Amino acid sequence: MSNPKIVPHAVQPSLKPLPNVKNIIAVGSGKGGVGKSTVAVNLALALAKDARVGILDADIYGPSLPIMLGLTEKPESPDGKTISPIEKYGLQCMSIGLLLVDNAPAIWRGPIVTKALQQMLFDTNWDNLDYLIIDLPPGTGDIQLTLAQKIPVAGAIIVTTPQDLALIDAKKALNMFNKVHVPVLGIVENMSTYICTQCGHEEHIFGHAGAVTMAADYKVPLLAQLPLEKNIREETDSGRPTVIAAPESPRGQCYFQLAQQVVEKLALRPKDYSAKFGTIVVQN
């Protein structure tokens, strides 16, 4: 059952939350290769401990959700019009990678890509979700603009590494969300430190505290500083992400702490009351 303590929060002014999804949270990055999908999947799994959670892989050209969660079955359509999400580890999951023939590329132009995203969101039979995590592709292109204009988002999270090159693009993503009136809940600094598997030595190989400075400059919360660990990569590649494979480990606890931060920051946002008002019909 959905957690009754979790309520819908306000979205973009021209939109309202979906009837079967209380809160959509977008996970974005300005740049690829910062571990955004790994963060999104582990965040969703951590949230699912106390809530009903779904995850939508919005990367049409490079879907990674099937590999990360070890998904092999194809979604079914109960009525020929809608599709049922695949359930794994307590998550309701949807990805274009589940719909295409193995290794077939999605060679589509922008309008078709945005249509595919909307269909995966609106035509999937999400079952009474408290949170739907949308794992966005990197950048600030068609998918991101469609999300801002057509999809009711309660909040966004920016994932970056401490590296200057990643931070430049992360700032672009943050500014984009601000311009389209999607509230940014905070920043996640991924690969913050490298921890040696042999001796446990910790080193800042991608720079130090870059996201800390960015969060202070833009006056948004720093939600987490996550380590760069070989185990996280191996667990994700095996289809058993860290929150499932090693929930009690220090690296696993980092994701649960991130989930708690996200819940707390979202709770500070205005709530949505549109469902409490009936539809007003004006007749002559």
Protein backbone atom coordinates (compact mmCIF):
# COMPACT_ATOMS: atom_id res chain seq x y z
CA MET A 1 0.00 0.00 0.00
CA SER A 2 0.99 3.59 -0.57
CA ASN A 3 2.30 5.36 2.52
CA PRO A 4 -0.54 7.67 3.70
CA LYS A 5 2.00 10.03 5.30
CA ILE A 6 3.50 10.82 1.89
CA VAL A 7 1.51 13.53 0.13
CA PRO A 8 1.69 15.06 -3.36
CA HIS A 9 3.71 18.26 -3.68
CA ALA A 10 3.26 21.21 -5.98
CA VAL A 11 4.54 20.95 -9.55
CA GLN A 12 4.94 23.46 -12.41
CA PRO A 13 2.20 26.11 -12.36
CA SER A 14 0.43 24.85 -15.53
CA LEU A 15 0.40 21.18 -14.49
CA LYS A 16 -0.90 18.97 -11.71
CA PRO A 17 0.35 15.63 -10.32
CA LEU A 18 -0.68 12.40 -12.01
CA PRO A 19 -3.60 10.65 -10.28
CA ASN A 20 -1.58 7.47 -9.66
CA VAL A 21 1.81 9.10 -8.87
CA LYS A 22 2.10 11.42 -5.89
CA ASN A 23 5.56 12.84 -6.59
CA ILE A 24 7.81 12.73 -9.65
CA ILE A 25 11.49 13.38 -8.92
CA ALA A 26 13.83 13.97 -11.86
CA VAL A 27 17.49 12.99 -11.55
CA GLY A 28 19.61 14.92 -14.05
CA SER A 29 23.15 15.94 -14.88
CA GLY A 30 24.64 18.34 -17.34
CA LYS A 31 27.29 15.82 -18.37
CA GLY A 32 27.48 12.09 -18.99
CA GLY A 33 29.78 9.76 -17.09
CA VAL A 34 29.10 11.17 -13.61
CA GLY A 35 27.24 8.09 -12.37
CA LYS A 36 23.78 9.65 -12.53
CA SER A 37 21.97 6.39 -13.33
CA THR A 38 23.74 4.56 -10.51
CA VAL A 39 22.60 7.30 -8.12
CA ALA A 40 19.03 7.23 -9.50
CA VAL A 41 18.66 3.46 -9.18
CA ASN A 42 20.09 3.26 -5.67
CA LEU A 43 18.03 6.28 -4.57
CA ALA A 44 14.85 4.61 -5.85
CA LEU A 45 15.70 1.36 -4.06
CA ALA A 46 16.44 3.22 -0.82
CA LEU A 47 13.15 5.12 -1.01
CA ALA A 48 11.31 1.84 -1.65
CA LYS A 49 12.14 0.69 1.88
CA ASP A 50 9.33 2.87 3.24
CA ALA A 51 7.27 3.81 0.17
CA ARG A 52 5.84 2.65 -3.15
CA VAL A 53 8.39 3.66 -5.78
CA GLY A 54 8.77 3.44 -9.53
CA ILE A 55 11.66 4.32 -11.82
CA LEU A 56 11.47 5.48 -15.43
CA ASP A 57 14.59 5.31 -17.59
CA ALA A 58 14.21 8.39 -19.80
CA ASP A 59 17.47 7.86 -21.68
CA ILE A 60 16.02 6.74 -25.01
CA TYR A 61 19.37 6.44 -26.82
CA GLY A 62 21.31 4.76 -24.00
CA PRO A 63 18.95 2.97 -21.59
CA SER A 64 20.82 1.40 -18.68
CA LEU A 65 18.03 0.35 -16.32
CA PRO A 66 17.66 -3.22 -17.69
CA ILE A 67 21.32 -3.99 -16.97
CA MET A 68 21.42 -2.22 -13.61
CA LEU A 69 18.40 -4.13 -12.31
CA GLY A 70 18.94 -7.37 -14.21
CA LEU A 71 15.67 -7.03 -16.13
CA THR A 72 15.11 -9.53 -18.95
CA GLU A 73 11.35 -9.95 -19.36
CA LYS A 74 9.26 -7.79 -21.67
CA PRO A 75 6.39 -5.64 -20.39
CA GLU A 76 2.87 -6.84 -21.15
CA SER A 77 -0.13 -4.85 -22.34
CA PRO A 78 -3.39 -5.82 -20.62
CA ASP A 79 -5.58 -3.90 -23.06
CA GLY A 80 -3.46 -3.26 -26.14
CA LYS A 81 -3.16 0.43 -25.24
CA THR A 82 -1.26 0.59 -21.95
CA ILE A 83 1.70 -1.36 -20.59
CA SER A 84 2.41 -2.81 -17.18
CA PRO A 85 5.74 -1.96 -15.52
CA ILE A 86 8.19 -4.72 -14.69
CA GLU A 87 8.61 -5.20 -10.95
CA LYS A 88 12.03 -5.87 -9.44
CA TYR A 89 13.33 -5.44 -5.89
CA GLY A 90 10.07 -3.73 -4.95
CA LEU A 91 10.36 -1.16 -7.77
CA GLN A 92 7.97 -0.62 -10.67
CA CYS A 93 10.28 -0.22 -13.69
CA MET A 94 9.97 1.04 -17.25
CA SER A 95 12.65 1.61 -19.90
CA ILE A 96 12.77 1.77 -23.68
CA GLY A 97 15.42 -0.92 -23.30
CA LEU A 98 12.66 -3.32 -22.22
CA LEU A 99 10.67 -2.65 -25.39
CA LEU A 100 13.36 -2.85 -28.09
CA VAL A 101 14.87 -5.99 -29.59
CA ASP A 102 18.19 -6.86 -27.90
CA ASN A 103 20.93 -4.34 -28.77
CA ALA A 104 18.72 -2.55 -31.30
CA PRO A 105 19.52 1.18 -31.35
CA ALA A 106 16.78 3.79 -31.12
CA ILE A 107 17.58 5.80 -34.27
CA TRP A 108 14.96 8.48 -33.75
CA ARG A 109 14.78 12.24 -34.13
CA GLY A 110 13.84 14.62 -31.33
CA PRO A 111 10.02 14.69 -31.74
CA ILE A 112 9.81 10.89 -31.75
CA VAL A 113 12.07 10.68 -28.71
CA THR A 114 9.92 13.09 -26.70
CA LYS A 115 6.78 11.23 -27.79
CA ALA A 116 8.32 7.97 -26.61
CA LEU A 117 9.08 9.50 -23.20
CA GLN A 118 5.52 10.75 -22.80
CA GLN A 119 4.08 7.38 -23.80
CA MET A 120 6.30 5.52 -21.34
CA LEU A 121 5.17 7.86 -18.57
CA PHE A 122 1.47 8.31 -19.31
CA ASP A 123 0.71 4.88 -20.84
CA THR A 124 2.39 2.83 -18.12
CA ASN A 125 0.06 1.43 -15.48
CA TRP A 126 1.92 2.83 -12.48
CA ASP A 127 0.26 1.36 -9.40
CA ASN A 128 -0.35 3.93 -6.66
CA LEU A 129 3.20 5.33 -6.40
CA ASP A 130 4.48 7.63 -3.67
CA TYR A 131 7.56 8.50 -5.75
CA LEU A 132 8.49 8.05 -9.39
CA ILE A 133 12.18 8.59 -10.11
CA ILE A 134 12.90 9.71 -13.68
CA ASP A 135 16.49 9.02 -14.72
CA LEU A 136 17.13 11.70 -17.33
CA PRO A 137 19.74 11.54 -20.07
CA PRO A 138 22.61 14.01 -19.62
CA GLY A 139 22.35 17.49 -21.06
CA THR A 140 19.65 20.12 -21.50
CA GLY A 141 17.97 19.04 -24.74
CA ASP A 142 14.57 17.87 -26.00
CA ILE A 143 13.93 15.31 -23.26
CA GLN A 144 14.63 17.78 -20.48
CA LEU A 145 12.46 20.49 -22.06
CA THR A 146 9.60 18.02 -22.60
CA LEU A 147 9.87 17.00 -18.98
CA ALA A 148 9.63 20.62 -17.89
CA GLN A 149 6.69 21.49 -20.12
CA LYS A 150 4.55 18.33 -20.12
CA ILE A 151 5.45 16.25 -17.06
CA PRO A 152 4.46 17.31 -13.52
CA VAL A 153 7.72 17.27 -11.55
CA ALA A 154 7.78 17.87 -7.80
CA GLY A 155 11.54 18.32 -7.68
CA ALA A 156 14.86 17.70 -9.42
CA ILE A 157 18.24 16.44 -8.25
CA ILE A 158 21.51 17.38 -9.97
CA VAL A 159 24.30 14.77 -9.99
CA THR A 160 27.88 15.86 -10.60
CA THR A 161 31.43 14.94 -9.75
CA PRO A 162 33.81 17.41 -8.03
CA GLN A 163 35.64 17.91 -11.33
CA ASP A 164 35.51 21.41 -12.84
CA LEU A 165 34.49 20.02 -16.24
CA ALA A 166 31.45 18.27 -14.76
CA LEU A 167 30.52 21.24 -12.59
CA ILE A 168 30.32 23.57 -15.61
CA ASP A 169 27.61 21.41 -17.16
CA ALA A 170 25.91 20.72 -13.82
CA LYS A 171 25.41 24.47 -13.43
CA LYS A 172 23.77 24.59 -16.86
CA ALA A 173 21.36 21.82 -15.81
CA LEU A 174 20.53 23.62 -12.56
CA ASN A 175 19.88 26.90 -14.40
CA MET A 176 17.65 25.08 -16.88
CA PHE A 177 15.46 23.63 -14.12
CA ASN A 178 15.23 27.06 -12.51
CA LYS A 179 14.11 28.68 -15.76
CA VAL A 180 11.34 26.13 -16.34
CA HIS A 181 10.08 26.36 -12.74
CA VAL A 182 11.15 22.90 -11.60
CA PRO A 183 12.45 23.20 -8.03
CA VAL A 184 15.94 21.80 -7.46
CA LEU A 185 15.94 19.79 -4.23
CA GLY A 186 19.72 19.68 -4.13
CA ILE A 187 23.02 18.49 -5.54
CA VAL A 188 24.67 15.08 -5.23
CA GLU A 189 28.45 14.98 -5.47
CA ASN A 190 29.19 11.52 -6.84
CA MET A 191 32.67 9.97 -6.95
CA SER A 192 33.58 12.45 -4.23
CA THR A 193 36.49 10.39 -2.97
CA TYR A 194 38.20 7.20 -4.11
CA ILE A 195 38.59 4.49 -1.49
CA CYS A 196 41.32 1.93 -2.16
CA THR A 197 40.09 -1.66 -1.87
CA GLN A 198 43.50 -2.80 -0.63
CA CYS A 199 44.35 -0.33 2.12
CA GLY A 200 41.25 1.83 2.54
CA HIS A 201 43.15 5.02 1.66
CA GLU A 202 40.82 7.84 0.66
CA GLU A 203 41.82 10.23 -2.13
CA HIS A 204 40.11 13.08 -3.98
CA ILE A 205 41.07 12.03 -7.50
CA PHE A 206 38.41 14.20 -9.23
CA GLY A 207 39.07 17.29 -7.16
CA HIS A 208 37.85 18.38 -3.77
CA ALA A 209 34.55 19.93 -2.65
CA GLY A 210 33.51 21.22 -6.07
CA ALA A 211 29.83 20.51 -5.44
CA VAL A 212 30.12 22.02 -1.96
CA THR A 213 31.11 25.34 -3.52
CA MET A 214 28.44 25.05 -6.21
CA ALA A 215 25.72 24.37 -3.64
CA ALA A 216 26.81 27.42 -1.63
CA ASP A 217 26.97 29.65 -4.71
CA TYR A 218 23.49 28.66 -5.90
CA LYS A 219 22.00 28.41 -2.40
CA VAL A 220 20.75 24.84 -2.84
CA PRO A 221 21.36 21.92 -0.46
CA LEU A 222 24.24 19.50 -0.88
CA LEU A 223 22.33 16.23 -0.47
CA ALA A 224 25.25 13.77 -0.38
CA GLN A 225 28.90 13.14 -1.17
CA LEU A 226 29.12 9.59 -2.49
CA PRO A 227 32.34 7.58 -2.82
CA LEU A 228 33.95 6.12 -5.92
CA GLU A 229 34.23 2.42 -5.13
CA LYS A 230 34.91 -0.62 -7.25
CA ASN A 231 32.19 -2.53 -5.40
CA ILE A 232 29.50 -0.02 -6.42
CA ARG A 233 30.39 -0.49 -10.09
CA GLU A 234 30.53 -4.28 -9.80
CA GLU A 235 27.23 -4.49 -7.95
CA THR A 236 25.46 -2.26 -10.45
CA ASP A 237 26.85 -4.14 -13.47
CA SER A 238 25.72 -7.45 -11.95
CA GLY A 239 22.07 -6.33 -11.72
CA ARG A 240 22.14 -6.12 -7.91
CA PRO A 241 22.74 -2.47 -7.02
CA THR A 242 24.48 -1.58 -3.77
CA VAL A 243 21.27 -0.93 -1.81
CA ILE A 244 20.27 -4.55 -2.55
CA ALA A 245 23.71 -6.22 -2.53
CA ALA A 246 25.22 -4.49 0.51
CA PRO A 247 22.60 -2.37 2.32
CA GLU A 248 24.44 -2.40 5.67
CA SER A 249 27.81 -1.43 4.20
CA PRO A 250 29.07 2.16 4.51
CA ARG A 251 28.53 2.66 0.77
CA GLY A 252 24.99 1.27 1.04
CA GLN A 253 24.17 3.50 3.98
CA CYS A 254 25.23 6.53 1.90
CA TYR A 255 22.26 5.94 -0.40
CA PHE A 256 19.80 5.55 2.48
CA GLN A 257 21.07 8.84 3.91
CA LEU A 258 20.62 10.43 0.47
CA ALA A 259 17.04 9.14 0.32
CA GLN A 260 16.32 10.63 3.73
CA GLN A 261 17.69 13.99 2.61
CA VAL A 262 15.52 13.93 -0.53
CA VAL A 263 12.39 13.12 1.50
CA GLU A 264 13.14 15.92 3.96
CA LYS A 265 13.83 18.52 1.26
CA LEU A 266 10.70 17.56 -0.68
CA ALA A 267 8.63 17.83 2.50
CA LEU A 268 9.62 21.49 2.74
CA ARG A 269 8.07 22.21 -0.65
CA PRO A 270 4.45 23.44 -0.97
CA LYS A 271 1.88 20.66 -1.05
CA ASP A 272 -0.55 20.07 -3.90
CA TYR A 273 -4.23 20.44 -3.05
CA SER A 274 -5.71 20.11 -6.56
CA ALA A 275 -7.13 16.66 -5.81
CA LYS A 276 -9.23 18.12 -3.01
CA PHE A 277 -11.17 20.34 -5.42
CA GLY A 278 -13.71 19.00 -7.86
CA THR A 279 -13.82 19.94 -11.54
CA ILE A 280 -15.71 23.18 -12.10
CA VAL A 281 -17.91 23.19 -15.21
CA VAL A 282 -19.34 26.51 -16.45
CA GLN A 283 -22.58 26.23 -18.44
CA ASN A 284 -24.91 28.81 -19.91
